[in-house]
């Protein structure tokens, strides 16, 4: 089964020193090893945004090219807007990208691997599944 890996996990994995994220990074490496990573364009954009060094940007862009983007349909944007409205009515805030991730996750029935606690809150009101890291120690 494919897993949509959120920007928060990519960010932890790409940092050099981050001991508090060992379980998450180990799980991420396992997901890569099992060819389960599913990329989408908005996550690719978030990962690459803010990299000032052109050489680093180019290296990361080439690395990410190993993970093709899942197609996004018009219905995903409509579903994302519905999710946004539903969560907002429950007092929950989220970004348009977060709700687009949720909509794509739901349509393809892929869980989301994230460290962003907002997705857990969203999952109480919209039909998404959160992938949990397994401590392999």
N, C-alpha and C. Protein backbone atom coordinates (compact mmCIF):
# COMPACT_ATOMS: atom_id res chain seq x y z
N UNK A 1 0.84 -1.18 0.00
CA UNK A 1 0.00 0.00 0.00
C UNK A 1 0.89 1.25 0.00
N UNK A 2 0.51 2.22 -0.81
CA UNK A 2 1.22 3.49 -0.86
C UNK A 2 0.83 4.34 0.34
N UNK A 3 1.74 5.24 0.72
CA UNK A 3 1.55 6.13 1.85
C UNK A 3 1.94 7.54 1.42
N UNK A 4 1.04 8.50 1.63
CA UNK A 4 1.37 9.89 1.34
C UNK A 4 2.21 10.41 2.51
N UNK A 5 3.43 10.78 2.21
CA UNK A 5 4.35 11.27 3.24
C UNK A 5 4.30 12.79 3.24
N UNK A 6 3.84 13.34 4.34
CA UNK A 6 3.66 14.78 4.49
C UNK A 6 5.01 15.50 4.59
N UNK A 7 4.99 16.77 4.30
CA UNK A 7 6.18 17.61 4.35
C UNK A 7 6.87 17.55 5.71
N UNK A 8 6.10 17.45 6.78
CA UNK A 8 6.69 17.43 8.12
C UNK A 8 7.65 16.26 8.29
N UNK A 9 7.34 15.12 7.72
CA UNK A 9 8.21 13.94 7.81
C UNK A 9 9.44 14.13 6.93
N UNK A 10 9.22 14.59 5.70
CA UNK A 10 10.36 14.86 4.82
C UNK A 10 11.33 15.83 5.49
N UNK A 11 10.79 16.86 6.11
CA UNK A 11 11.62 17.87 6.75
C UNK A 11 12.48 17.26 7.86
N UNK A 12 11.88 16.43 8.69
CA UNK A 12 12.65 15.76 9.74
C UNK A 12 13.74 14.88 9.16
N UNK A 13 13.41 14.14 8.13
CA UNK A 13 14.35 13.20 7.53
C UNK A 13 15.50 13.90 6.84
N UNK A 14 15.26 15.09 6.31
CA UNK A 14 16.30 15.80 5.58
C UNK A 14 17.23 16.61 6.49
N UNK A 15 16.86 16.77 7.74
CA UNK A 15 17.74 17.46 8.70
C UNK A 15 18.83 16.51 9.14
N UNK A 16 19.99 17.07 9.41
CA UNK A 16 21.13 16.22 9.77
C UNK A 16 21.07 15.74 11.22
N UNK A 17 20.78 16.63 12.13
CA UNK A 17 20.78 16.28 13.55
C UNK A 17 19.41 16.53 14.16
N UNK A 18 18.72 15.45 14.46
CA UNK A 18 17.40 15.60 15.06
C UNK A 18 17.06 14.31 15.82
N UNK A 19 17.70 14.09 16.98
CA UNK A 19 17.53 12.83 17.69
C UNK A 19 16.11 12.53 18.15
N UNK A 20 15.27 13.55 18.38
CA UNK A 20 13.92 13.28 18.85
C UNK A 20 13.04 12.66 17.78
N UNK A 21 13.49 12.65 16.54
CA UNK A 21 12.67 12.13 15.46
C UNK A 21 13.15 10.77 14.95
N UNK A 22 13.96 10.07 15.72
CA UNK A 22 14.56 8.82 15.26
C UNK A 22 13.50 7.81 14.81
N UNK A 23 12.45 7.61 15.57
CA UNK A 23 11.42 6.64 15.21
C UNK A 23 10.74 7.04 13.90
N UNK A 24 10.44 8.32 13.74
CA UNK A 24 9.78 8.80 12.53
C UNK A 24 10.71 8.60 11.33
N UNK A 25 11.97 8.96 11.47
CA UNK A 25 12.92 8.83 10.36
C UNK A 25 13.16 7.36 10.01
N UNK A 26 13.24 6.50 11.02
CA UNK A 26 13.40 5.06 10.74
C UNK A 26 12.19 4.52 9.97
N UNK A 27 11.01 4.93 10.38
CA UNK A 27 9.80 4.50 9.68
C UNK A 27 9.80 5.02 8.24
N UNK A 28 10.21 6.26 8.07
CA UNK A 28 10.28 6.85 6.74
C UNK A 28 11.25 6.06 5.84
N UNK A 29 12.40 5.72 6.39
CA UNK A 29 13.37 4.93 5.62
C UNK A 29 12.78 3.58 5.23
N UNK A 30 12.02 2.97 6.11
CA UNK A 30 11.38 1.69 5.81
C UNK A 30 10.34 1.84 4.70
N UNK A 31 9.60 2.93 4.75
CA UNK A 31 8.59 3.20 3.72
C UNK A 31 9.27 3.39 2.36
N UNK A 32 10.39 4.09 2.35
CA UNK A 32 11.16 4.25 1.11
C UNK A 32 11.65 2.89 0.63
N UNK A 33 12.24 2.13 1.54
CA UNK A 33 12.78 0.80 1.20
C UNK A 33 11.70 -0.11 0.60
N UNK A 34 10.49 0.00 1.11
CA UNK A 34 9.36 -0.83 0.65
C UNK A 34 8.65 -0.24 -0.58
N UNK A 35 9.19 0.86 -1.12
CA UNK A 35 8.60 1.52 -2.29
C UNK A 35 7.15 1.93 -2.05
N UNK A 36 6.87 2.45 -0.86
CA UNK A 36 5.51 2.83 -0.49
C UNK A 36 5.27 4.35 -0.54
N UNK A 37 6.34 5.13 -0.71
CA UNK A 37 6.18 6.58 -0.69
C UNK A 37 5.35 7.04 -1.87
N UNK A 38 4.34 7.83 -1.58
CA UNK A 38 3.55 8.45 -2.64
C UNK A 38 3.70 9.95 -2.54
N UNK A 39 4.18 10.55 -3.60
CA UNK A 39 4.39 12.00 -3.65
C UNK A 39 3.20 12.65 -4.35
N UNK A 40 2.92 13.88 -3.94
CA UNK A 40 1.97 14.72 -4.67
C UNK A 40 2.64 16.08 -4.88
N UNK A 41 2.25 16.77 -5.94
CA UNK A 41 2.87 18.04 -6.29
C UNK A 41 2.92 19.07 -5.18
N UNK A 42 1.82 19.28 -4.44
CA UNK A 42 1.87 20.30 -3.38
C UNK A 42 2.91 19.99 -2.29
N UNK A 43 3.12 18.72 -1.98
CA UNK A 43 4.14 18.37 -0.99
C UNK A 43 5.52 18.61 -1.58
N UNK A 44 5.72 18.23 -2.85
CA UNK A 44 7.00 18.49 -3.51
C UNK A 44 7.32 19.99 -3.45
N UNK A 45 6.31 20.82 -3.74
CA UNK A 45 6.51 22.27 -3.71
C UNK A 45 6.91 22.73 -2.31
N UNK A 46 6.22 22.23 -1.28
CA UNK A 46 6.55 22.64 0.09
C UNK A 46 7.97 22.22 0.46
N UNK A 47 8.37 21.01 0.08
CA UNK A 47 9.72 20.53 0.40
C UNK A 47 10.78 21.44 -0.23
N UNK A 48 10.56 21.81 -1.49
CA UNK A 48 11.56 22.59 -2.22
C UNK A 48 11.51 24.09 -1.91
N UNK A 49 10.40 24.56 -1.38
CA UNK A 49 10.27 25.99 -1.09
C UNK A 49 11.18 26.39 0.06
N UNK A 50 11.82 27.52 -0.10
CA UNK A 50 12.67 28.06 0.96
C UNK A 50 14.12 27.62 0.92
N UNK A 51 14.49 26.80 -0.05
CA UNK A 51 15.89 26.39 -0.16
C UNK A 51 16.62 27.48 -0.94
N UNK A 52 17.52 28.18 -0.27
CA UNK A 52 18.18 29.34 -0.85
C UNK A 52 19.34 28.96 -1.76
N UNK A 53 20.01 27.89 -1.42
CA UNK A 53 21.19 27.49 -2.17
C UNK A 53 20.77 26.72 -3.42
N UNK A 54 21.14 27.24 -4.59
CA UNK A 54 20.73 26.61 -5.85
C UNK A 54 21.26 25.19 -6.00
N UNK A 55 22.46 24.96 -5.53
CA UNK A 55 23.05 23.63 -5.63
C UNK A 55 22.26 22.63 -4.78
N UNK A 56 21.93 23.02 -3.56
CA UNK A 56 21.11 22.16 -2.68
C UNK A 56 19.74 21.92 -3.30
N UNK A 57 19.15 22.98 -3.85
CA UNK A 57 17.85 22.87 -4.49
C UNK A 57 17.92 21.83 -5.62
N UNK A 58 18.93 21.94 -6.46
CA UNK A 58 19.08 21.02 -7.58
C UNK A 58 19.26 19.58 -7.13
N UNK A 59 20.07 19.36 -6.10
CA UNK A 59 20.28 18.00 -5.57
C UNK A 59 18.99 17.42 -5.02
N UNK A 60 18.27 18.22 -4.27
CA UNK A 60 17.02 17.74 -3.69
C UNK A 60 15.98 17.50 -4.78
N UNK A 61 15.93 18.38 -5.75
CA UNK A 61 15.00 18.21 -6.87
C UNK A 61 15.27 16.89 -7.59
N UNK A 62 16.54 16.58 -7.82
CA UNK A 62 16.89 15.32 -8.49
C UNK A 62 16.52 14.12 -7.62
N UNK A 63 16.77 14.22 -6.32
CA UNK A 63 16.42 13.12 -5.41
C UNK A 63 14.91 12.88 -5.42
N UNK A 64 14.15 13.95 -5.35
CA UNK A 64 12.68 13.83 -5.30
C UNK A 64 12.10 13.32 -6.62
N UNK A 65 12.85 13.45 -7.69
CA UNK A 65 12.37 12.96 -8.99
C UNK A 65 12.14 11.45 -8.98
N UNK A 66 12.73 10.76 -8.02
CA UNK A 66 12.52 9.32 -7.87
C UNK A 66 11.11 8.98 -7.42
N UNK A 67 10.38 10.00 -6.97
CA UNK A 67 9.03 9.80 -6.44
C UNK A 67 8.04 10.56 -7.32
N UNK A 68 7.44 9.88 -8.31
CA UNK A 68 6.51 10.57 -9.22
C UNK A 68 5.25 11.06 -8.50
N UNK A 69 4.69 12.13 -9.04
CA UNK A 69 3.48 12.72 -8.46
C UNK A 69 2.24 11.91 -8.82
N UNK A 70 1.38 11.76 -7.84
CA UNK A 70 0.06 11.18 -8.04
C UNK A 70 -0.81 12.24 -8.73
N UNK A 71 -1.59 11.87 -9.73
CA UNK A 71 -2.44 12.87 -10.38
C UNK A 71 -3.48 13.45 -9.41
N UNK A 72 -3.71 14.73 -9.55
CA UNK A 72 -4.71 15.43 -8.76
C UNK A 72 -5.86 15.81 -9.69
N UNK A 73 -7.08 15.50 -9.29
CA UNK A 73 -8.26 15.76 -10.11
C UNK A 73 -9.04 16.95 -9.57
N UNK A 74 -9.87 17.52 -10.41
CA UNK A 74 -10.73 18.63 -10.00
C UNK A 74 -11.55 18.26 -8.77
N UNK A 75 -12.04 17.02 -8.73
CA UNK A 75 -12.84 16.60 -7.58
C UNK A 75 -12.05 16.66 -6.27
N UNK A 76 -10.73 16.52 -6.34
CA UNK A 76 -9.91 16.61 -5.13
C UNK A 76 -9.95 18.01 -4.54
N UNK A 77 -9.93 19.01 -5.41
CA UNK A 77 -10.00 20.39 -4.93
C UNK A 77 -11.37 20.69 -4.32
N UNK A 78 -12.40 20.15 -4.91
CA UNK A 78 -13.76 20.35 -4.39
C UNK A 78 -13.91 19.66 -3.03
N UNK A 79 -13.41 18.43 -2.95
CA UNK A 79 -13.44 17.70 -1.68
C UNK A 79 -12.63 18.43 -0.62
N UNK A 80 -11.47 18.95 -1.01
CA UNK A 80 -10.63 19.70 -0.06
C UNK A 80 -11.38 20.90 0.50
N UNK A 81 -12.12 21.60 -0.37
CA UNK A 81 -12.90 22.75 0.09
C UNK A 81 -14.00 22.31 1.06
N UNK A 82 -14.64 21.19 0.76
CA UNK A 82 -15.67 20.65 1.67
C UNK A 82 -15.05 20.30 3.02
N UNK A 83 -13.88 19.66 2.99
CA UNK A 83 -13.20 19.31 4.24
C UNK A 83 -12.83 20.56 5.03
N UNK A 84 -12.33 21.55 4.32
CA UNK A 84 -11.98 22.82 4.97
C UNK A 84 -13.20 23.39 5.67
N UNK A 85 -14.31 23.45 4.95
CA UNK A 85 -15.54 24.03 5.51
C UNK A 85 -16.04 23.23 6.70
N UNK A 86 -16.00 21.90 6.59
CA UNK A 86 -16.48 21.06 7.68
C UNK A 86 -15.62 21.25 8.93
N UNK A 87 -14.30 21.22 8.75
CA UNK A 87 -13.42 21.38 9.91
C UNK A 87 -13.52 22.79 10.49
N UNK A 88 -13.64 23.77 9.63
CA UNK A 88 -13.79 25.15 10.10
C UNK A 88 -15.04 25.29 10.94
N UNK A 89 -16.12 24.61 10.55
CA UNK A 89 -17.37 24.67 11.31
C UNK A 89 -17.22 24.02 12.69
N UNK A 90 -16.19 23.17 12.82
CA UNK A 90 -15.91 22.52 14.11
C UNK A 90 -14.83 23.28 14.90
N UNK A 91 -14.42 24.44 14.36
CA UNK A 91 -13.42 25.26 15.05
C UNK A 91 -11.98 24.88 14.74
N UNK A 92 -11.77 24.06 13.70
CA UNK A 92 -10.42 23.64 13.33
C UNK A 92 -9.92 24.42 12.13
N UNK A 93 -8.68 24.89 12.22
CA UNK A 93 -8.05 25.60 11.12
C UNK A 93 -7.04 24.68 10.44
N UNK A 94 -6.87 24.88 9.16
CA UNK A 94 -5.86 24.14 8.42
C UNK A 94 -5.59 24.86 7.12
N UNK A 95 -4.48 24.50 6.50
CA UNK A 95 -4.13 25.14 5.24
C UNK A 95 -4.86 24.47 4.08
N UNK A 96 -4.96 25.18 2.98
CA UNK A 96 -5.56 24.59 1.78
C UNK A 96 -4.79 23.35 1.36
N UNK A 97 -3.47 23.39 1.48
CA UNK A 97 -2.64 22.24 1.11
C UNK A 97 -2.95 21.05 2.01
N UNK A 98 -3.11 21.29 3.31
CA UNK A 98 -3.43 20.19 4.23
C UNK A 98 -4.73 19.50 3.82
N UNK A 99 -5.74 20.28 3.48
CA UNK A 99 -7.03 19.68 3.11
C UNK A 99 -6.97 19.03 1.73
N UNK A 100 -6.12 19.53 0.86
CA UNK A 100 -5.92 18.87 -0.43
C UNK A 100 -5.25 17.51 -0.22
N UNK A 101 -4.28 17.45 0.67
CA UNK A 101 -3.65 16.17 1.03
C UNK A 101 -4.71 15.20 1.55
N UNK A 102 -5.58 15.69 2.41
CA UNK A 102 -6.65 14.85 2.96
C UNK A 102 -7.58 14.33 1.87
N UNK A 103 -7.96 15.20 0.94
CA UNK A 103 -8.86 14.80 -0.13
C UNK A 103 -8.23 13.74 -1.02
N UNK A 104 -6.97 13.93 -1.36
CA UNK A 104 -6.26 12.95 -2.20
C UNK A 104 -6.10 11.64 -1.45
N UNK A 105 -5.76 11.73 -0.20
CA UNK A 105 -5.62 10.54 0.64
C UNK A 105 -6.91 9.74 0.66
N UNK A 106 -8.02 10.43 0.82
CA UNK A 106 -9.31 9.76 0.87
C UNK A 106 -9.66 9.11 -0.47
N UNK A 107 -9.48 9.84 -1.55
CA UNK A 107 -9.87 9.30 -2.87
C UNK A 107 -9.06 8.06 -3.24
N UNK A 108 -7.77 8.10 -2.98
CA UNK A 108 -6.92 6.96 -3.34
C UNK A 108 -6.85 5.90 -2.24
N UNK A 109 -7.42 6.22 -1.08
CA UNK A 109 -7.39 5.33 0.09
C UNK A 109 -5.95 5.04 0.54
N UNK A 110 -5.13 6.11 0.56
CA UNK A 110 -3.76 6.03 1.05
C UNK A 110 -3.69 6.74 2.40
N UNK A 111 -3.06 6.13 3.40
CA UNK A 111 -2.89 6.83 4.67
C UNK A 111 -1.88 7.98 4.53
N UNK A 112 -1.91 8.87 5.49
CA UNK A 112 -1.00 10.01 5.53
C UNK A 112 -0.01 9.79 6.67
N UNK A 113 1.28 9.88 6.35
CA UNK A 113 2.32 9.79 7.38
C UNK A 113 2.77 11.22 7.67
N UNK A 114 2.51 11.68 8.88
CA UNK A 114 2.77 13.06 9.24
C UNK A 114 3.13 13.17 10.72
N UNK A 115 3.83 14.25 11.06
CA UNK A 115 4.05 14.57 12.46
C UNK A 115 3.20 15.78 12.86
N UNK A 116 2.44 16.30 11.92
CA UNK A 116 1.58 17.47 12.15
C UNK A 116 0.30 17.02 12.86
N UNK A 117 0.16 17.42 14.10
CA UNK A 117 -0.99 17.03 14.91
C UNK A 117 -2.34 17.48 14.38
N UNK A 118 -2.34 18.48 13.50
CA UNK A 118 -3.61 18.94 12.93
C UNK A 118 -4.33 17.82 12.18
N UNK A 119 -3.57 16.95 11.51
CA UNK A 119 -4.20 15.87 10.75
C UNK A 119 -4.96 14.91 11.67
N UNK A 120 -4.45 14.70 12.87
CA UNK A 120 -5.16 13.84 13.82
C UNK A 120 -6.48 14.48 14.23
N UNK A 121 -6.46 15.79 14.39
CA UNK A 121 -7.70 16.50 14.71
C UNK A 121 -8.67 16.44 13.53
N UNK A 122 -8.15 16.62 12.32
CA UNK A 122 -9.01 16.54 11.13
C UNK A 122 -9.67 15.17 11.03
N UNK A 123 -8.90 14.13 11.38
CA UNK A 123 -9.40 12.75 11.19
C UNK A 123 -10.62 12.44 12.06
N UNK A 124 -10.91 13.27 13.03
CA UNK A 124 -12.10 13.09 13.85
C UNK A 124 -13.36 13.55 13.12
N UNK A 125 -13.16 14.32 12.03
CA UNK A 125 -14.30 14.91 11.33
C UNK A 125 -14.37 14.58 9.84
N UNK A 126 -13.26 14.14 9.27
CA UNK A 126 -13.23 13.79 7.85
C UNK A 126 -12.57 12.42 7.69
N UNK A 127 -12.91 11.71 6.62
CA UNK A 127 -12.46 10.32 6.49
C UNK A 127 -11.02 10.17 5.96
N UNK A 128 -10.05 10.34 6.86
CA UNK A 128 -8.65 10.10 6.51
C UNK A 128 -8.06 9.12 7.52
N UNK A 129 -6.99 8.45 7.10
CA UNK A 129 -6.29 7.51 7.96
C UNK A 129 -4.87 8.03 8.14
N UNK A 130 -4.41 8.04 9.38
CA UNK A 130 -3.06 8.50 9.71
C UNK A 130 -2.17 7.27 9.89
N UNK A 131 -1.05 7.25 9.18
CA UNK A 131 -0.07 6.17 9.31
C UNK A 131 0.75 6.44 10.57
N UNK A 132 0.88 5.44 11.42
CA UNK A 132 1.63 5.59 12.66
C UNK A 132 3.01 4.94 12.52
N UNK A 133 4.03 5.65 13.01
CA UNK A 133 5.38 5.11 12.99
C UNK A 133 5.48 3.94 13.96
N UNK A 134 6.20 2.93 13.56
CA UNK A 134 6.42 1.74 14.39
C UNK A 134 7.83 1.83 14.96
N UNK A 135 7.95 1.73 16.27
CA UNK A 135 9.27 1.75 16.90
C UNK A 135 9.93 0.40 16.62
N UNK A 136 10.95 0.40 15.79
CA UNK A 136 11.61 -0.83 15.37
C UNK A 136 12.84 -1.16 16.18
N UNK A 137 13.02 -0.45 17.30
CA UNK A 137 14.20 -0.68 18.14
C UNK A 137 14.11 -1.97 18.93
